[in-house]
Amino acid sequence: MKLSSSILRHPERIHSGLWKGSQLAQAQRPALSTGFSQLDDELPGRGWPLGALIEISLERPGIGEIALLRPALAQLGGERSIMFIQPPCAPHFHCWTNWGLHGQRLLWVQTDSLPDTLWACDKALRHNACSALLCWAPGARAQSLRRLHLAAQQSDTLLVMLRSPADTRQPCAAPLRLGLRPAEQGLQVSILKRRGPACGHTVPIVLHPERAYSSSAASHVSLDQPSPALSQPGRRFSSLAH
């Protein structure tokens, strides 16, 4: 059977899971815009895939990974919570409200071990309990991540696993894997894996347009930072406003 040239140019017409190596795959699940057009242009479906595992590796916590996800989190409805599982630092309630996310219920889950972290993530996904789930699980094995990816496919949750660069050397079921490095005004994003051609360049993300580097700016740091709320794991952050 000889395939027509049209089918060869558009293999997605045979099955949505097929694509040419030189083209981005068609999104098989709904996608949520990242809020950064230059990053959307590089992703299948032009955004974060919902109901799928997304892996983000970063050199160290606090370089802007939550700010990168902020526009997507703001698009989520308020019916379900946003869940942080085992973050390296306590979530900052004042920052959350300053971002205009006070309408979103934030749940902070703190566990005692990596198996507990993975168990909590799995249960939240299987019950479709949250609109977004950010999980810090360095050292998780590929088999565990595949299980979470399968659980995510039964939901419409935005699932993001935040890991270390060393973890990127291991195989991972995530259809989207990104690496983050800090930059002067934000981040440099490397697309390590996507459904489509390899991405040979980094994507600059501006998070702080006012932060043009200068020696004077480096030596004068604003001290009017809000004090952190007295947060406790397991509490909804909406209750901390009272």
Foldseek 3Di string as FASTA:
>chain_A
DDDDPVCVQPVCVVPQLDDDQADAGADPAAFFAQPDQLVLVVAHNSHQGFLFEEEEAEADPDLCPVVSNLVRLVPDDQPAAEEEEADVDDDFLVVCVVSVNLSHWYAYHYDDDLVVQLVVLLVCLQVLRGQEYEYEREPDAQVSQVSSRVSSNVYRHRYYYYYHPVVVVHDHPGQWYWYWDHDQQGIWIATPHHRHYHDPGTGDDGSHVPRDDDPVPVVDDDPPDDDGQPDDHGDISNVSVD
